[in-house]
Amino acid sequence: MNCTNNGACVDTTGTKAAYCNCTGLAFDGNFCENDINECLTNNGGCDENAICKNLIGSFSCSCKSGFLGNGFICNGIL
């Protein structure tokens, strides 16, 4: 199997069912492409006080101004 454009071929040992893992990208049957915007669903899993930023094949979370944390957990500054 040829997984191109940032795809990783996953070999399911003992079977002929290898598949492409296209983390953050859609697989069209041949290539990993068409970025999936993780931020469109549930703010990407980021905290409600964070901003989700879509990246090609991934995303990042950062706390909004006035909050501290890693983006997945944001606490208000006292």
C-alpha atoms as a PDB file:
ATOM      1  CA  MET A   1       0.000   0.000   0.000  1.00  0.00           C
ATOM      2  CA  ASN A   2       1.314   3.437  -0.921  1.00  0.00           C
ATOM      3  CA  CYS A   3       0.270   6.058   1.649  1.00  0.00           C
ATOM      4  CA  THR A   4       1.461   9.408   0.372  1.00  0.00           C
ATOM      5  CA  ASN A   5       1.049  13.030   1.497  1.00  0.00           C
ATOM      6  CA  ASN A   6       1.792  12.536   5.220  1.00  0.00           C
ATOM      7  CA  GLY A   7       0.072   9.160   5.491  1.00  0.00           C
ATOM      8  CA  ALA A   8       1.466   6.289   7.512  1.00  0.00           C
ATOM      9  CA  CYS A   9       0.848   2.763   6.307  1.00  0.00           C
ATOM     10  CA  VAL A  10      -0.419   0.561   9.135  1.00  0.00           C
ATOM     11  CA  ASP A  11       0.333  -3.127   8.652  1.00  0.00           C
ATOM     12  CA  THR A  12      -2.147  -5.348  10.441  1.00  0.00           C
ATOM     13  CA  THR A  13       0.227  -8.292  10.929  1.00  0.00           C
ATOM     14  CA  GLY A  14      -1.102 -11.618   9.745  1.00  0.00           C
ATOM     15  CA  THR A  15      -3.804 -10.116   7.531  1.00  0.00           C
ATOM     16  CA  LYS A  16      -3.973  -8.436   4.160  1.00  0.00           C
ATOM     17  CA  ALA A  17      -5.885  -5.500   5.630  1.00  0.00           C
ATOM     18  CA  ALA A  18      -3.175  -2.834   5.742  1.00  0.00           C
ATOM     19  CA  TYR A  19      -4.548   0.687   5.745  1.00  0.00           C
ATOM     20  CA  CYS A  20      -3.403   4.301   5.642  1.00  0.00           C
ATOM     21  CA  ASN A  21      -3.471   6.373   8.802  1.00  0.00           C
ATOM     22  CA  CYS A  22      -4.021   9.973   7.703  1.00  0.00           C
ATOM     23  CA  THR A  23      -4.010  11.777  11.044  1.00  0.00           C
ATOM     24  CA  GLY A  24      -5.852  15.068  10.553  1.00  0.00           C
ATOM     25  CA  LEU A  25      -6.288  14.435   6.834  1.00  0.00           C
ATOM     26  CA  ALA A  26      -8.935  12.619   4.827  1.00  0.00           C
ATOM     27  CA  PHE A  27      -7.973   9.516   2.816  1.00  0.00           C
ATOM     28  CA  ASP A  28      -9.445   9.435  -0.682  1.00  0.00           C
ATOM     29  CA  GLY A  29      -8.503   5.807  -1.356  1.00  0.00           C
ATOM     30  CA  ASN A  30      -5.064   6.697  -2.699  1.00  0.00           C
ATOM     31  CA  PHE A  31      -3.755   9.781  -0.932  1.00  0.00           C
ATOM     32  CA  CYS A  32      -3.924  11.581   2.398  1.00  0.00           C
ATOM     33  CA  GLU A  33      -5.282  15.019   1.581  1.00  0.00           C
ATOM     34  CA  ASN A  34      -8.084  17.464   2.294  1.00  0.00           C
ATOM     35  CA  ASP A  35      -7.289  18.758   5.736  1.00  0.00           C
ATOM     36  CA  ILE A  36      -9.878  18.002   8.403  1.00  0.00           C
ATOM     37  CA  ASN A  37     -10.650  21.090  10.469  1.00  0.00           C
ATOM     38  CA  GLU A  38     -10.758  19.614  13.981  1.00  0.00           C
ATOM     39  CA  CYS A  39     -11.767  23.023  15.375  1.00  0.00           C
ATOM     40  CA  LEU A  40     -15.225  22.793  13.804  1.00  0.00           C
ATOM     41  CA  THR A  41     -16.307  20.054  16.230  1.00  0.00           C
ATOM     42  CA  ASN A  42     -16.437  20.839  19.942  1.00  0.00           C
ATOM     43  CA  ASN A  43     -13.747  23.530  19.577  1.00  0.00           C
ATOM     44  CA  GLY A  44     -11.274  20.732  18.754  1.00  0.00           C
ATOM     45  CA  GLY A  45     -11.430  19.486  22.339  1.00  0.00           C
ATOM     46  CA  CYS A  46      -9.872  22.734  23.554  1.00  0.00           C
ATOM     47  CA  ASP A  47     -11.111  24.375  26.758  1.00  0.00           C
ATOM     48  CA  GLU A  48     -14.140  26.666  26.411  1.00  0.00           C
ATOM     49  CA  ASN A  49     -11.795  29.542  27.336  1.00  0.00           C
ATOM     50  CA  ALA A  50      -9.322  28.634  24.585  1.00  0.00           C
ATOM     51  CA  ILE A  51      -8.926  29.355  20.904  1.00  0.00           C
ATOM     52  CA  CYS A  52      -8.588  26.385  18.577  1.00  0.00           C
ATOM     53  CA  LYS A  53      -6.315  26.968  15.574  1.00  0.00           C
ATOM     54  CA  ASN A  54      -6.549  24.570  12.645  1.00  0.00           C
ATOM     55  CA  LEU A  55      -3.210  23.395  11.202  1.00  0.00           C
ATOM     56  CA  ILE A  56      -2.638  21.148   8.204  1.00  0.00           C
ATOM     57  CA  GLY A  57      -3.086  17.644   9.584  1.00  0.00           C
ATOM     58  CA  SER A  58      -3.436  18.873  13.154  1.00  0.00           C
ATOM     59  CA  PHE A  59      -4.607  21.708  15.423  1.00  0.00           C
ATOM     60  CA  SER A  60      -3.471  23.684  18.444  1.00  0.00           C
ATOM     61  CA  CYS A  61      -5.194  25.140  21.498  1.00  0.00           C
ATOM     62  CA  SER A  62      -4.201  28.311  23.314  1.00  0.00           C
ATOM     63  CA  CYS A  63      -5.903  29.990  26.247  1.00  0.00           C
ATOM     64  CA  LYS A  64      -7.693  33.259  25.622  1.00  0.00           C
ATOM     65  CA  SER A  65      -6.375  36.495  27.095  1.00  0.00           C
ATOM     66  CA  GLY A  66      -6.947  36.514  30.860  1.00  0.00           C
ATOM     67  CA  PHE A  67      -6.589  32.733  31.186  1.00  0.00           C
ATOM     68  CA  LEU A  68      -3.598  30.492  31.889  1.00  0.00           C
ATOM     69  CA  GLY A  69      -3.093  26.871  30.948  1.00  0.00           C
ATOM     70  CA  ASN A  70      -2.177  24.533  28.121  1.00  0.00           C
ATOM     71  CA  GLY A  71      -5.210  25.233  25.928  1.00  0.00           C
ATOM     72  CA  PHE A  72      -6.974  22.036  26.921  1.00  0.00           C
ATOM     73  CA  ILE A  73      -7.351  23.357  30.479  1.00  0.00           C
ATOM     74  CA  CYS A  74      -7.533  27.135  30.989  1.00  0.00           C
ATOM     75  CA  ASN A  75      -7.954  28.816  34.350  1.00  0.00           C
ATOM     76  CA  GLY A  76      -8.796  32.457  34.955  1.00  0.00           C
ATOM     77  CA  ILE A  77      -6.129  34.724  36.381  1.00  0.00           C
ATOM     78  CA  LEU A  78      -6.998  35.851  39.894  1.00  0.00           C
END
